[in-house]
Amino acid sequence: MYGSFEVNLLFRVRHLLRGARYTVEGARRRLWQETERADPLLRAQLAEIRDELVASLVAVRSARRTLDGRAPAGGAAEAPAGLAGDGGTAPSTL
């Protein structure tokens, strides 16, 4: 379940992509710039959301490979490059 912060963030992303015509990369950079000025609590919330999204993406990719009959060796899916393991400090993680 997501709260108003998460919903507002999704609306912000939608506005940047559709309304302001940013590319995905441009929107990511813009959001990162905005969070650099934000308080530590906000940054922690964004890091938590990012981690949840990465875990969801990994699960979806794993399920897709399983359904396609090409399950990864060992049964574990890898996190997408540049999205996990850096503690949320680099812009490429948002």
PDB file of N, CA and C in Angstrom:
ATOM      1  N   MET A   1       0.845  -1.165   0.000  1.00  0.00           N
ATOM      2  CA  MET A   1       0.000   0.000   0.000  1.00  0.00           C
ATOM      3  C   MET A   1       0.901   1.243   0.000  1.00  0.00           C
ATOM      4  N   TYR A   2       0.535   2.210  -0.785  1.00  0.00           N
ATOM      5  CA  TYR A   2       1.331   3.417  -0.910  1.00  0.00           C
ATOM      6  C   TYR A   2       0.584   4.598  -0.311  1.00  0.00           C
ATOM      7  N   GLY A   3       1.340   5.517   0.239  1.00  0.00           N
ATOM      8  CA  GLY A   3       0.771   6.711   0.845  1.00  0.00           C
ATOM      9  C   GLY A   3       0.749   7.874  -0.122  1.00  0.00           C
ATOM     10  N   SER A   4       0.379   9.025   0.402  1.00  0.00           N
ATOM     11  CA  SER A   4       0.262  10.211  -0.447  1.00  0.00           C
ATOM     12  C   SER A   4       1.615  10.643  -1.013  1.00  0.00           C
ATOM     13  N   PHE A   5       2.701  10.431  -0.272  1.00  0.00           N
ATOM     14  CA  PHE A   5       4.022  10.798  -0.778  1.00  0.00           C
ATOM     15  C   PHE A   5       4.329  10.037  -2.070  1.00  0.00           C
ATOM     16  N   GLU A   6       4.119   8.719  -2.039  1.00  0.00           N
ATOM     17  CA  GLU A   6       4.421   7.894  -3.202  1.00  0.00           C
ATOM     18  C   GLU A   6       3.532   8.253  -4.389  1.00  0.00           C
ATOM     19  N   VAL A   7       2.256   8.481  -4.116  1.00  0.00           N
ATOM     20  CA  VAL A   7       1.321   8.850  -5.183  1.00  0.00           C
ATOM     21  C   VAL A   7       1.719  10.193  -5.784  1.00  0.00           C
ATOM     22  N   ASN A   8       2.068  11.150  -4.957  1.00  0.00           N
ATOM     23  CA  ASN A   8       2.500  12.456  -5.457  1.00  0.00           C
ATOM     24  C   ASN A   8       3.767  12.341  -6.294  1.00  0.00           C
ATOM     25  N   LEU A   9       4.667  11.471  -5.886  1.00  0.00           N
ATOM     26  CA  LEU A   9       5.896  11.263  -6.656  1.00  0.00           C
ATOM     27  C   LEU A   9       5.571  10.701  -8.037  1.00  0.00           C
ATOM     28  N   LEU A  10       4.647   9.761  -8.099  1.00  0.00           N
ATOM     29  CA  LEU A  10       4.255   9.203  -9.394  1.00  0.00           C
ATOM     30  C   LEU A  10       3.612  10.270 -10.287  1.00  0.00           C
ATOM     31  N   PHE A  11       2.797  11.133  -9.699  1.00  0.00           N
ATOM     32  CA  PHE A  11       2.215  12.226 -10.480  1.00  0.00           C
ATOM     33  C   PHE A  11       3.300  13.185 -10.969  1.00  0.00           C
ATOM     34  N   ARG A  12       4.310  13.410 -10.139  1.00  0.00           N
ATOM     35  CA  ARG A  12       5.426  14.279 -10.542  1.00  0.00           C
ATOM     36  C   ARG A  12       6.174  13.678 -11.723  1.00  0.00           C
ATOM     37  N   VAL A  13       6.420  12.376 -11.668  1.00  0.00           N
ATOM     38  CA  VAL A  13       7.097  11.687 -12.770  1.00  0.00           C
ATOM     39  C   VAL A  13       6.245  11.781 -14.033  1.00  0.00           C
ATOM     40  N   ARG A  14       4.955  11.543 -13.892  1.00  0.00           N
ATOM     41  CA  ARG A  14       4.054  11.631 -15.041  1.00  0.00           C
ATOM     42  C   ARG A  14       4.090  13.027 -15.657  1.00  0.00           C
ATOM     43  N   HIS A  15       4.059  14.057 -14.804  1.00  0.00           N
ATOM     44  CA  HIS A  15       4.112  15.429 -15.310  1.00  0.00           C
ATOM     45  C   HIS A  15       5.407  15.682 -16.072  1.00  0.00           C
ATOM     46  N   LEU A  16       6.533  15.237 -15.522  1.00  0.00           N
ATOM     47  CA  LEU A  16       7.810  15.465 -16.191  1.00  0.00           C
ATOM     48  C   LEU A  16       7.869  14.748 -17.541  1.00  0.00           C
ATOM     49  N   LEU A  17       7.344  13.531 -17.592  1.00  0.00           N
ATOM     50  CA  LEU A  17       7.417  12.760 -18.836  1.00  0.00           C
ATOM     51  C   LEU A  17       6.418  13.227 -19.882  1.00  0.00           C
ATOM     52  N   ARG A  18       5.181  13.451 -19.464  1.00  0.00           N
ATOM     53  CA  ARG A  18       4.138  13.803 -20.434  1.00  0.00           C
ATOM     54  C   ARG A  18       3.953  15.305 -20.591  1.00  0.00           C
ATOM     55  N   GLY A  19       3.838  16.002 -19.470  1.00  0.00           N
ATOM     56  CA  GLY A  19       3.559  17.438 -19.536  1.00  0.00           C
ATOM     57  C   GLY A  19       4.764  18.271 -19.943  1.00  0.00           C
ATOM     58  N   ALA A  20       5.897  18.024 -19.308  1.00  0.00           N
ATOM     59  CA  ALA A  20       7.102  18.811 -19.589  1.00  0.00           C
ATOM     60  C   ALA A  20       7.950  18.183 -20.691  1.00  0.00           C
ATOM     61  N   ARG A  21       7.547  16.988 -21.169  1.00  0.00           N
ATOM     62  CA  ARG A  21       8.199  16.314 -22.296  1.00  0.00           C
ATOM     63  C   ARG A  21       9.666  15.960 -22.030  1.00  0.00           C
ATOM     64  N   TYR A  22       9.978  15.633 -20.785  1.00  0.00           N
ATOM     65  CA  TYR A  22      11.315  15.151 -20.456  1.00  0.00           C
ATOM     66  C   TYR A  22      11.474  13.734 -20.978  1.00  0.00           C
ATOM     67  N   THR A  23      12.711  13.356 -21.255  1.00  0.00           N
ATOM     68  CA  THR A  23      12.998  11.945 -21.506  1.00  0.00           C
ATOM     69  C   THR A  23      13.020  11.253 -20.148  1.00  0.00           C
ATOM     70  N   VAL A  24      13.046   9.935 -20.150  1.00  0.00           N
ATOM     71  CA  VAL A  24      13.118   9.205 -18.880  1.00  0.00           C
ATOM     72  C   VAL A  24      14.401   9.598 -18.146  1.00  0.00           C
ATOM     73  N   GLU A  25      15.493   9.668 -18.863  1.00  0.00           N
ATOM     74  CA  GLU A  25      16.767  10.057 -18.256  1.00  0.00           C
ATOM     75  C   GLU A  25      16.709  11.484 -17.723  1.00  0.00           C
ATOM     76  N   GLY A  26      16.113  12.387 -18.481  1.00  0.00           N
ATOM     77  CA  GLY A  26      15.995  13.770 -18.041  1.00  0.00           C
ATOM     78  C   GLY A  26      15.131  13.906 -16.798  1.00  0.00           C
ATOM     79  N   ALA A  27      14.031  13.161 -16.762  1.00  0.00           N
ATOM     80  CA  ALA A  27      13.145  13.184 -15.585  1.00  0.00           C
ATOM     81  C   ALA A  27      13.877  12.625 -14.367  1.00  0.00           C
ATOM     82  N   ARG A  28      14.635  11.552 -14.568  1.00  0.00           N
ATOM     83  CA  ARG A  28      15.398  10.962 -13.469  1.00  0.00           C
ATOM     84  C   ARG A  28      16.385  11.977 -12.904  1.00  0.00           C
ATOM     85  N   ARG A  29      17.093  12.655 -13.790  1.00  0.00           N
ATOM     86  CA  ARG A  29      18.066  13.667 -13.339  1.00  0.00           C
ATOM     87  C   ARG A  29      17.370  14.812 -12.612  1.00  0.00           C
ATOM     88  N   ARG A  30      16.257  15.260 -13.135  1.00  0.00           N
ATOM     89  CA  ARG A  30      15.520  16.373 -12.515  1.00  0.00           C
ATOM     90  C   ARG A  30      15.050  15.994 -11.109  1.00  0.00           C
ATOM     91  N   LEU A  31      14.480  14.795 -10.979  1.00  0.00           N
ATOM     92  CA  LEU A  31      14.032  14.347  -9.664  1.00  0.00           C
ATOM     93  C   LEU A  31      15.202  14.215  -8.707  1.00  0.00           C
ATOM     94  N   TRP A  32      16.319  13.730  -9.201  1.00  0.00           N
ATOM     95  CA  TRP A  32      17.490  13.589  -8.339  1.00  0.00           C
ATOM     96  C   TRP A  32      17.969  14.968  -7.866  1.00  0.00           C
ATOM     97  N   GLN A  33      17.980  15.941  -8.761  1.00  0.00           N
ATOM     98  CA  GLN A  33      18.376  17.299  -8.380  1.00  0.00           C
ATOM     99  C   GLN A  33      17.444  17.848  -7.307  1.00  0.00           C
ATOM    100  N   GLU A  34      16.164  17.589  -7.463  1.00  0.00           N
ATOM    101  CA  GLU A  34      15.190  18.066  -6.479  1.00  0.00           C
ATOM    102  C   GLU A  34      15.396  17.401  -5.127  1.00  0.00           C
ATOM    103  N   THR A  35      15.753  16.124  -5.111  1.00  0.00           N
ATOM    104  CA  THR A  35      15.943  15.425  -3.840  1.00  0.00           C
ATOM    105  C   THR A  35      17.256  15.793  -3.172  1.00  0.00           C
ATOM    106  N   GLU A  36      18.233  16.249  -3.935  1.00  0.00           N
ATOM    107  CA  GLU A  36      19.502  16.673  -3.323  1.00  0.00           C
ATOM    108  C   GLU A  36      19.280  17.855  -2.393  1.00  0.00           C
ATOM    109  N   ARG A  37      18.277  18.653  -2.696  1.00  0.00           N
ATOM    110  CA  ARG A  37      17.967  19.815  -1.856  1.00  0.00           C
ATOM    111  C   ARG A  37      17.001  19.455  -0.733  1.00  0.00           C
ATOM    112  N   ALA A  38      16.489  18.249  -0.767  1.00  0.00           N
ATOM    113  CA  ALA A  38      15.468  17.832   0.200  1.00  0.00           C
ATOM    114  C   ALA A  38      16.101  17.363   1.511  1.00  0.00           C
ATOM    115  N   ASP A  39      15.262  17.247   2.503  1.00  0.00           N
ATOM    116  CA  ASP A  39      15.728  16.802   3.810  1.00  0.00           C
ATOM    117  C   ASP A  39      16.069  15.310   3.787  1.00  0.00           C
ATOM    118  N   PRO A  40      16.852  14.842   4.741  1.00  0.00           N
ATOM    119  CA  PRO A  40      17.280  13.440   4.777  1.00  0.00           C
ATOM    120  C   PRO A  40      16.122  12.444   4.865  1.00  0.00           C
ATOM    121  N   LEU A  41      15.046  12.807   5.530  1.00  0.00           N
ATOM    122  CA  LEU A  41      13.899  11.907   5.629  1.00  0.00           C
ATOM    123  C   LEU A  41      13.298  11.644   4.249  1.00  0.00           C
ATOM    124  N   LEU A  42      13.160  12.683   3.446  1.00  0.00           N
ATOM    125  CA  LEU A  42      12.633  12.539   2.097  1.00  0.00           C
ATOM    126  C   LEU A  42      13.553  11.655   1.265  1.00  0.00           C
ATOM    127  N   ARG A  43      14.841  11.870   1.373  1.00  0.00           N
ATOM    128  CA  ARG A  43      15.798  11.044   0.621  1.00  0.00           C
ATOM    129  C   ARG A  43      15.699   9.588   1.045  1.00  0.00           C
ATOM    130  N   ALA A  44      15.505   9.324   2.328  1.00  0.00           N
ATOM    131  CA  ALA A  44      15.376   7.949   2.809  1.00  0.00           C
ATOM    132  C   ALA A  44      14.102   7.306   2.256  1.00  0.00           C
ATOM    133  N   GLN A  45      13.012   8.079   2.204  1.00  0.00           N
ATOM    134  CA  GLN A  45      11.762   7.556   1.651  1.00  0.00           C
ATOM    135  C   GLN A  45      11.938   7.211   0.172  1.00  0.00           C
ATOM    136  N   LEU A  46      12.612   8.071  -0.568  1.00  0.00           N
ATOM    137  CA  LEU A  46      12.842   7.802  -1.982  1.00  0.00           C
ATOM    138  C   LEU A  46      13.717   6.565  -2.175  1.00  0.00           C
ATOM    139  N   ALA A  47      14.716   6.394  -1.338  1.00  0.00           N
ATOM    140  CA  ALA A  47      15.572   5.212  -1.427  1.00  0.00           C
ATOM    141  C   ALA A  47      14.766   3.943  -1.165  1.00  0.00           C
ATOM    142  N   GLU A  48      13.865   3.997  -0.203  1.00  0.00           N
ATOM    143  CA  GLU A  48      13.027   2.840   0.106  1.00  0.00           C
ATOM    144  C   GLU A  48      12.104   2.507  -1.066  1.00  0.00           C
ATOM    145  N   ILE A  49      11.514   3.520  -1.664  1.00  0.00           N
ATOM    146  CA  ILE A  49      10.636   3.312  -2.815  1.00  0.00           C
ATOM    147  C   ILE A  49      11.433   2.715  -3.972  1.00  0.00           C
ATOM    148  N   ARG A  50      12.622   3.259  -4.207  1.00  0.00           N
ATOM    149  CA  ARG A  50      13.468   2.745  -5.280  1.00  0.00           C
ATOM    150  C   ARG A  50      13.786   1.267  -5.060  1.00  0.00           C
ATOM    151  N   ASP A  51      14.126   0.905  -3.830  1.00  0.00           N
ATOM    152  CA  ASP A  51      14.444  -0.487  -3.522  1.00  0.00           C
ATOM    153  C   ASP A  51      13.248  -1.403  -3.778  1.00  0.00           C
ATOM    154  N   GLU A  52      12.048  -0.939  -3.422  1.00  0.00           N
ATOM    155  CA  GLU A  52      10.839  -1.725  -3.677  1.00  0.00           C
ATOM    156  C   GLU A  52      10.605  -1.895  -5.175  1.00  0.00           C
ATOM    157  N   LEU A  53      10.823  -0.834  -5.935  1.00  0.00           N
ATOM    158  CA  LEU A  53      10.632  -0.906  -7.379  1.00  0.00           C
ATOM    159  C   LEU A  53      11.643  -1.843  -8.025  1.00  0.00           C
ATOM    160  N   VAL A  54      12.888  -1.798  -7.569  1.00  0.00           N
ATOM    161  CA  VAL A  54      13.912  -2.693  -8.101  1.00  0.00           C
ATOM    162  C   VAL A  54      13.548  -4.138  -7.802  1.00  0.00           C
ATOM    163  N   ALA A  55      13.121  -4.420  -6.577  1.00  0.00           N
ATOM    164  CA  ALA A  55      12.725  -5.784  -6.218  1.00  0.00           C
ATOM    165  C   ALA A  55      11.550  -6.242  -7.073  1.00  0.00           C
ATOM    166  N   SER A  56      10.602  -5.363  -7.339  1.00  0.00           N
ATOM    167  CA  SER A  56       9.457  -5.711  -8.184  1.00  0.00           C
ATOM    168  C   SER A  56       9.896  -5.989  -9.620  1.00  0.00           C
ATOM    169  N   LEU A  57      10.796  -5.166 -10.135  1.00  0.00           N
ATOM    170  CA  LEU A  57      11.298  -5.368 -11.490  1.00  0.00           C
ATOM    171  C   LEU A  57      12.022  -6.702 -11.609  1.00  0.00           C
ATOM    172  N   VAL A  58      12.837  -7.029 -10.633  1.00  0.00           N
ATOM    173  CA  VAL A  58      13.553  -8.307 -10.640  1.00  0.00           C
ATOM    174  C   VAL A  58      12.564  -9.467 -10.604  1.00  0.00           C
ATOM    175  N   ALA A  59      11.532  -9.367  -9.778  1.00  0.00           N
ATOM    176  CA  ALA A  59      10.529 -10.430  -9.683  1.00  0.00           C
ATOM    177  C   ALA A  59       9.775 -10.599 -11.002  1.00  0.00           C
ATOM    178  N   VAL A  60       9.417  -9.493 -11.633  1.00  0.00           N
ATOM    179  CA  VAL A  60       8.693  -9.557 -12.907  1.00  0.00           C
ATOM    180  C   VAL A  60       9.575 -10.179 -13.979  1.00  0.00           C
ATOM    181  N   ARG A  61      10.829  -9.769 -14.042  1.00  0.00           N
ATOM    182  CA  ARG A  61      11.736 -10.338 -15.045  1.00  0.00           C
ATOM    183  C   ARG A  61      11.954 -11.825 -14.813  1.00  0.00           C
ATOM    184  N   SER A  62      12.080 -12.214 -13.570  1.00  0.00           N
ATOM    185  CA  SER A  62      12.259 -13.629 -13.242  1.00  0.00           C
ATOM    186  C   SER A  62      11.026 -14.432 -13.643  1.00  0.00           C
ATOM    187  N   ALA A  63       9.856 -13.912 -13.323  1.00  0.00           N
ATOM    188  CA  ALA A  63       8.604 -14.592 -13.687  1.00  0.00           C
ATOM    189  C   ALA A  63       8.468 -14.689 -15.196  1.00  0.00           C
ATOM    190  N   ARG A  64       8.839 -13.643 -15.893  1.00  0.00           N
ATOM    191  CA  ARG A  64       8.752 -13.654 -17.359  1.00  0.00           C
ATOM    192  C   ARG A  64       9.667 -14.727 -17.934  1.00  0.00           C
ATOM    193  N   ARG A  65      10.908 -14.814 -17.410  1.00  0.00           N
ATOM    194  CA  ARG A  65      11.833 -15.843 -17.892  1.00  0.00           C
ATOM    195  C   ARG A  65      11.296 -17.241 -17.594  1.00  0.00           C
ATOM    196  N   THR A  66      10.705 -17.410 -16.427  1.00  0.00           N
ATOM    197  CA  THR A  66      10.141 -18.703 -16.062  1.00  0.00           C
ATOM    198  C   THR A  66       8.997 -19.064 -17.000  1.00  0.00           C
ATOM    199  N   LEU A  67       8.125 -18.126 -17.273  1.00  0.00           N
ATOM    200  CA  LEU A  67       6.998 -18.376 -18.170  1.00  0.00           C
ATOM    201  C   LEU A  67       7.458 -18.642 -19.593  1.00  0.00           C
ATOM    202  N   ASP A  68       8.535 -17.992 -19.977  1.00  0.00           N
ATOM    203  CA  ASP A  68       9.081 -18.196 -21.320  1.00  0.00           C
ATOM    204  C   ASP A  68       9.918 -19.465 -21.412  1.00  0.00           C
ATOM    205  N   GLY A  69      10.091 -20.161 -20.270  1.00  0.00           N
ATOM    206  CA  GLY A  69      10.862 -21.391 -20.270  1.00  0.00           C
ATOM    207  C   GLY A  69      12.352 -21.183 -20.242  1.00  0.00           C
ATOM    208  N   ARG A  70      12.792 -20.026 -19.795  1.00  0.00           N
ATOM    209  CA  ARG A  70      14.225 -19.759 -19.729  1.00  0.00           C
ATOM    210  C   ARG A  70      14.605 -19.230 -18.356  1.00  0.00           C
ATOM    211  N   ALA A  71      14.241 -20.001 -17.349  1.00  0.00           N
ATOM    212  CA  ALA A  71      14.554 -19.624 -15.969  1.00  0.00           C
ATOM    213  C   ALA A  71      16.065 -19.520 -15.800  1.00  0.00           C
ATOM    214  N   PRO A  72      16.536 -18.524 -15.049  1.00  0.00           N
ATOM    215  CA  PRO A  72      17.974 -18.356 -14.841  1.00  0.00           C
ATOM    216  C   PRO A  72      18.553 -19.493 -14.019  1.00  0.00           C
ATOM    217  N   ALA A  73      19.818 -19.795 -14.262  1.00  0.00           N
ATOM    218  CA  ALA A  73      20.509 -20.837 -13.499  1.00  0.00           C
ATOM    219  C   ALA A  73      20.517 -20.461 -12.033  1.00  0.00           C
ATOM    220  N   GLY A  74      20.225 -21.415 -11.170  1.00  0.00           N
ATOM    221  CA  GLY A  74      20.214 -21.149  -9.741  1.00  0.00           C
ATOM    222  C   GLY A  74      18.911 -20.547  -9.256  1.00  0.00           C
ATOM    223  N   GLY A  75      18.031 -20.170 -10.161  1.00  0.00           N
ATOM    224  CA  GLY A  75      16.723 -19.671  -9.787  1.00  0.00           C
ATOM    225  C   GLY A  75      16.699 -18.240  -9.278  1.00  0.00           C
ATOM    226  N   ALA A  76      17.805 -17.541  -9.299  1.00  0.00           N
ATOM    227  CA  ALA A  76      17.831 -16.167  -8.793  1.00  0.00           C
ATOM    228  C   ALA A  76      17.975 -15.197  -9.943  1.00  0.00           C
ATOM    229  N   ALA A  77      17.204 -14.139  -9.902  1.00  0.00           N
ATOM    230  CA  ALA A  77      17.316 -13.085 -10.903  1.00  0.00           C
ATOM    231  C   ALA A  77      18.267 -12.018 -10.402  1.00  0.00           C
ATOM    232  N   GLU A  78      19.007 -11.439 -11.317  1.00  0.00           N
ATOM    233  CA  GLU A  78      19.940 -10.387 -10.938  1.00  0.00           C
ATOM    234  C   GLU A  78      19.249  -9.036 -11.000  1.00  0.00           C
ATOM    235  N   ALA A  79      19.696  -8.121 -10.140  1.00  0.00           N
ATOM    236  CA  ALA A  79      19.165  -6.761 -10.169  1.00  0.00           C
ATOM    237  C   ALA A  79      19.653  -6.072 -11.427  1.00  0.00           C
ATOM    238  N   PRO A  80      18.852  -5.211 -12.014  1.00  0.00           N
ATOM    239  CA  PRO A  80      19.268  -4.472 -13.195  1.00  0.00           C
ATOM    240  C   PRO A  80      20.502  -3.639 -12.901  1.00  0.00           C
ATOM    241  N   ALA A  81      21.377  -3.519 -13.863  1.00  0.00           N
ATOM    242  CA  ALA A  81      22.615  -2.757 -13.683  1.00  0.00           C
ATOM    243  C   ALA A  81      22.307  -1.326 -13.298  1.00  0.00           C
ATOM    244  N   GLY A  82      23.058  -0.820 -12.327  1.00  0.00           N
ATOM    245  CA  GLY A  82      22.921   0.565 -11.913  1.00  0.00           C
ATOM    246  C   GLY A  82      21.742   0.854 -11.029  1.00  0.00           C
ATOM    247  N   LEU A  83      21.045  -0.180 -10.553  1.00  0.00           N
ATOM    248  CA  LEU A  83      19.863   0.080  -9.752  1.00  0.00           C
ATOM    249  C   LEU A  83      19.980  -0.431  -8.324  1.00  0.00           C
ATOM    250  N   ALA A  84      20.882  -1.317  -8.049  1.00  0.00           N
ATOM    251  CA  ALA A  84      20.934  -1.878  -6.700  1.00  0.00           C
ATOM    252  C   ALA A  84      22.352  -1.851  -6.170  1.00  0.00           C
ATOM    253  N   GLY A  85      22.451  -1.811  -4.853  1.00  0.00           N
ATOM    254  CA  GLY A  85      23.728  -1.978  -4.189  1.00  0.00           C
ATOM    255  C   GLY A  85      24.538  -0.732  -3.956  1.00  0.00           C
ATOM    256  N   ASP A  86      24.074   0.446  -4.322  1.00  0.00           N
ATOM    257  CA  ASP A  86      24.899   1.630  -4.095  1.00  0.00           C
ATOM    258  C   ASP A  86      24.369   2.505  -2.984  1.00  0.00           C
ATOM    259  N   GLY A  87      23.353   2.059  -2.285  1.00  0.00           N
ATOM    260  CA  GLY A  87      22.840   2.792  -1.141  1.00  0.00           C
ATOM    261  C   GLY A  87      22.097   4.062  -1.478  1.00  0.00           C
ATOM    262  N   GLY A  88      21.795   4.284  -2.759  1.00  0.00           N
ATOM    263  CA  GLY A  88      21.010   5.451  -3.128  1.00  0.00           C
ATOM    264  C   GLY A  88      21.811   6.736  -3.236  1.00  0.00           C
ATOM    265  N   THR A  89      23.120   6.623  -3.402  1.00  0.00           N
ATOM    266  CA  THR A  89      23.933   7.824  -3.435  1.00  0.00           C
ATOM    267  C   THR A  89      24.167   8.342  -4.845  1.00  0.00           C
ATOM    268  N   ALA A  90      24.043   7.504  -5.843  1.00  0.00           N
ATOM    269  CA  ALA A  90      24.318   7.921  -7.204  1.00  0.00           C
ATOM    270  C   ALA A  90      23.026   8.240  -7.930  1.00  0.00           C
ATOM    271  N   PRO A  91      23.046   9.246  -8.814  1.00  0.00           N
ATOM    272  CA  PRO A  91      21.838   9.583  -9.558  1.00  0.00           C
ATOM    273  C   PRO A  91      21.296   8.444 -10.378  1.00  0.00           C
ATOM    274  N   SER A  92      22.126   7.489 -10.804  1.00  0.00           N
ATOM    275  CA  SER A  92      21.646   6.403 -11.646  1.00  0.00           C
ATOM    276  C   SER A  92      20.754   5.438 -10.894  1.00  0.00           C
ATOM    277  N   THR A  93      20.573   5.622  -9.596  1.00  0.00           N
ATOM    278  CA  THR A  93      19.788   4.687  -8.825  1.00  0.00           C
ATOM    279  C   THR A  93      18.335   5.084  -8.702  1.00  0.00           C
ATOM    280  N   LEU A  94      17.942   6.241  -9.144  1.00  0.00           N
ATOM    281  CA  LEU A  94      16.562   6.673  -8.995  1.00  0.00           C
ATOM    282  C   LEU A  94      15.731   6.171 -10.120  1.00  0.00           C
TER     283      LEU A  94
END
